Amino acid sequence: MLGVATVGLSEFFKDVVRAVRLTQKPDKEEFKLTLRVVLIGMSIIGVLGFVFKMVGSAFQFSAGKPLPPESGLAALFISMIVVLGFLFYIYRRYRV
């Protein structure tokens, strides 16, 4: 919306109409690739969120003293390395 403040409202709508005219429908292969990438990304984010929620619930109901914040950062870093390693493995295994 920054563009609306710097130029007039009519110029903004002209730019929107021009952008819509220039766009084109993706072909079937491009659509499938985009859909696959989005679904994989959403799945990874969902799985990570679920894992963090389960680990947090386990720590919340444990009888021990709370962990320091550094251990949470270490767990986040390690999980990111594991996910990136898995993605690299999948990439190397299925590349053409």
C-alpha atoms as a PDB file:
ATOM      1  CA  MET A   1       0.000   0.000   0.000  1.00  0.00           C
ATOM      2  CA  LEU A   2       3.035   2.264   0.006  1.00  0.00           C
ATOM      3  CA  GLY A   3       2.497   2.811  -3.716  1.00  0.00           C
ATOM      4  CA  VAL A   4      -0.905   4.362  -3.020  1.00  0.00           C
ATOM      5  CA  ALA A   5       0.617   7.009  -0.763  1.00  0.00           C
ATOM      6  CA  THR A   6       3.363   8.059  -3.191  1.00  0.00           C
ATOM      7  CA  VAL A   7       1.263   8.169  -6.383  1.00  0.00           C
ATOM      8  CA  GLY A   8      -2.350   8.990  -6.953  1.00  0.00           C
ATOM      9  CA  LEU A   9      -5.117   6.467  -6.563  1.00  0.00           C
ATOM     10  CA  SER A  10      -5.853   6.454 -10.302  1.00  0.00           C
ATOM     11  CA  GLU A  11      -2.197   5.706 -11.092  1.00  0.00           C
ATOM     12  CA  PHE A  12      -2.267   2.825  -8.638  1.00  0.00           C
ATOM     13  CA  PHE A  13      -5.319   1.278 -10.316  1.00  0.00           C
ATOM     14  CA  LYS A  14      -3.732   1.757 -13.759  1.00  0.00           C
ATOM     15  CA  ASP A  15      -0.674  -0.139 -12.519  1.00  0.00           C
ATOM     16  CA  VAL A  16      -2.871  -2.913 -11.133  1.00  0.00           C
ATOM     17  CA  VAL A  17      -4.759  -3.263 -14.433  1.00  0.00           C
ATOM     18  CA  ARG A  18      -1.468  -3.295 -16.359  1.00  0.00           C
ATOM     19  CA  ALA A  19      -0.057  -6.013 -14.087  1.00  0.00           C
ATOM     20  CA  VAL A  20      -3.192  -8.158 -14.455  1.00  0.00           C
ATOM     21  CA  ARG A  21      -3.038  -7.858 -18.255  1.00  0.00           C
ATOM     22  CA  LEU A  22       0.600  -8.963 -18.315  1.00  0.00           C
ATOM     23  CA  THR A  23       0.035 -12.054 -16.204  1.00  0.00           C
ATOM     24  CA  GLN A  24      -0.598 -15.376 -17.850  1.00  0.00           C
ATOM     25  CA  LYS A  25      -1.867 -18.715 -16.684  1.00  0.00           C
ATOM     26  CA  PRO A  26       0.935 -21.181 -15.844  1.00  0.00           C
ATOM     27  CA  ASP A  27       1.166 -24.358 -17.841  1.00  0.00           C
ATOM     28  CA  LYS A  28       0.370 -27.715 -16.258  1.00  0.00           C
ATOM     29  CA  GLU A  29       3.968 -28.614 -15.347  1.00  0.00           C
ATOM     30  CA  GLU A  30       4.695 -25.238 -13.743  1.00  0.00           C
ATOM     31  CA  PHE A  31       1.486 -25.453 -11.727  1.00  0.00           C
ATOM     32  CA  LYS A  32       2.338 -28.968 -10.518  1.00  0.00           C
ATOM     33  CA  LEU A  33       5.838 -27.867  -9.515  1.00  0.00           C
ATOM     34  CA  THR A  34       4.531 -24.835  -7.629  1.00  0.00           C
ATOM     35  CA  LEU A  35       1.888 -26.935  -5.891  1.00  0.00           C
ATOM     36  CA  ARG A  36       4.452 -29.561  -4.915  1.00  0.00           C
ATOM     37  CA  VAL A  37       6.873 -26.989  -3.482  1.00  0.00           C
ATOM     38  CA  VAL A  38       4.127 -25.251  -1.500  1.00  0.00           C
ATOM     39  CA  LEU A  39       2.767 -28.533  -0.101  1.00  0.00           C
ATOM     40  CA  ILE A  40       6.232 -29.753   0.893  1.00  0.00           C
ATOM     41  CA  GLY A  41       6.987 -26.447   2.603  1.00  0.00           C
ATOM     42  CA  MET A  42       3.681 -26.422   4.464  1.00  0.00           C
ATOM     43  CA  SER A  43       4.180 -30.044   5.513  1.00  0.00           C
ATOM     44  CA  ILE A  44       7.649 -29.329   6.884  1.00  0.00           C
ATOM     45  CA  ILE A  45       6.404 -26.311   8.822  1.00  0.00           C
ATOM     46  CA  GLY A  46       3.445 -28.304  10.160  1.00  0.00           C
ATOM     47  CA  VAL A  47       5.580 -31.241  11.257  1.00  0.00           C
ATOM     48  CA  LEU A  48       8.078 -28.936  12.964  1.00  0.00           C
ATOM     49  CA  GLY A  49       5.264 -27.110  14.747  1.00  0.00           C
ATOM     50  CA  PHE A  50       3.774 -30.397  15.899  1.00  0.00           C
ATOM     51  CA  VAL A  51       7.131 -31.668  17.155  1.00  0.00           C
ATOM     52  CA  PHE A  52       7.828 -28.439  19.045  1.00  0.00           C
ATOM     53  CA  LYS A  53       4.346 -28.522  20.570  1.00  0.00           C
ATOM     54  CA  MET A  54       4.787 -32.128  21.712  1.00  0.00           C
ATOM     55  CA  VAL A  55       8.251 -31.467  23.153  1.00  0.00           C
ATOM     56  CA  GLY A  56       6.971 -28.349  24.904  1.00  0.00           C
ATOM     57  CA  SER A  57       4.063 -30.287  26.375  1.00  0.00           C
ATOM     58  CA  ALA A  58       6.407 -32.997  27.605  1.00  0.00           C
ATOM     59  CA  PHE A  59       8.652 -30.422  29.304  1.00  0.00           C
ATOM     60  CA  GLN A  60       5.680 -28.572  30.765  1.00  0.00           C
ATOM     61  CA  PHE A  61       4.392 -31.644  32.577  1.00  0.00           C
ATOM     62  CA  SER A  62       7.789 -32.978  33.657  1.00  0.00           C
ATOM     63  CA  ALA A  63       8.679 -32.855  37.336  1.00  0.00           C
ATOM     64  CA  GLY A  64      12.203 -31.505  36.815  1.00  0.00           C
ATOM     65  CA  LYS A  65      13.378 -27.923  36.918  1.00  0.00           C
ATOM     66  CA  PRO A  66      12.969 -25.808  33.761  1.00  0.00           C
ATOM     67  CA  LEU A  67      15.661 -25.903  31.124  1.00  0.00           C
ATOM     68  CA  PRO A  68      17.738 -22.813  30.338  1.00  0.00           C
ATOM     69  CA  PRO A  69      16.867 -20.898  27.133  1.00  0.00           C
ATOM     70  CA  GLU A  70      20.150 -21.931  25.518  1.00  0.00           C
ATOM     71  CA  SER A  71      19.006 -25.544  25.392  1.00  0.00           C
ATOM     72  CA  GLY A  72      15.926 -24.489  23.422  1.00  0.00           C
ATOM     73  CA  LEU A  73      18.090 -22.662  20.906  1.00  0.00           C
ATOM     74  CA  ALA A  74      20.364 -25.690  20.639  1.00  0.00           C
ATOM     75  CA  ALA A  75      17.365 -27.958  20.010  1.00  0.00           C
ATOM     76  CA  LEU A  76      16.074 -25.566  17.341  1.00  0.00           C
ATOM     77  CA  PHE A  77      19.475 -25.468  15.657  1.00  0.00           C
ATOM     78  CA  ILE A  78      19.832 -29.249  15.714  1.00  0.00           C
ATOM     79  CA  SER A  79      16.330 -29.763  14.319  1.00  0.00           C
ATOM     80  CA  MET A  80      17.068 -27.306  11.503  1.00  0.00           C
ATOM     81  CA  ILE A  81      20.222 -29.239  10.649  1.00  0.00           C
ATOM     82  CA  VAL A  82      18.278 -32.515  10.629  1.00  0.00           C
ATOM     83  CA  VAL A  83      15.569 -31.082   8.343  1.00  0.00           C
ATOM     84  CA  LEU A  84      18.115 -29.568   5.953  1.00  0.00           C
ATOM     85  CA  GLY A  85      20.036 -32.840   5.904  1.00  0.00           C
ATOM     86  CA  PHE A  86      16.851 -34.737   5.097  1.00  0.00           C
ATOM     87  CA  LEU A  87      15.984 -32.304   2.303  1.00  0.00           C
ATOM     88  CA  PHE A  88      19.500 -32.622   0.887  1.00  0.00           C
ATOM     89  CA  TYR A  89      19.206 -36.406   1.013  1.00  0.00           C
ATOM     90  CA  ILE A  90      15.873 -36.303  -0.843  1.00  0.00           C
ATOM     91  CA  TYR A  91      17.313 -33.888  -3.396  1.00  0.00           C
ATOM     92  CA  ARG A  92      20.359 -36.079  -4.058  1.00  0.00           C
ATOM     93  CA  ARG A  93      18.320 -39.266  -4.217  1.00  0.00           C
ATOM     94  CA  TYR A  94      15.584 -38.130  -6.605  1.00  0.00           C
ATOM     95  CA  ARG A  95      17.378 -35.683  -8.881  1.00  0.00           C
ATOM     96  CA  VAL A  96      17.379 -36.581 -12.533  1.00  0.00           C
END
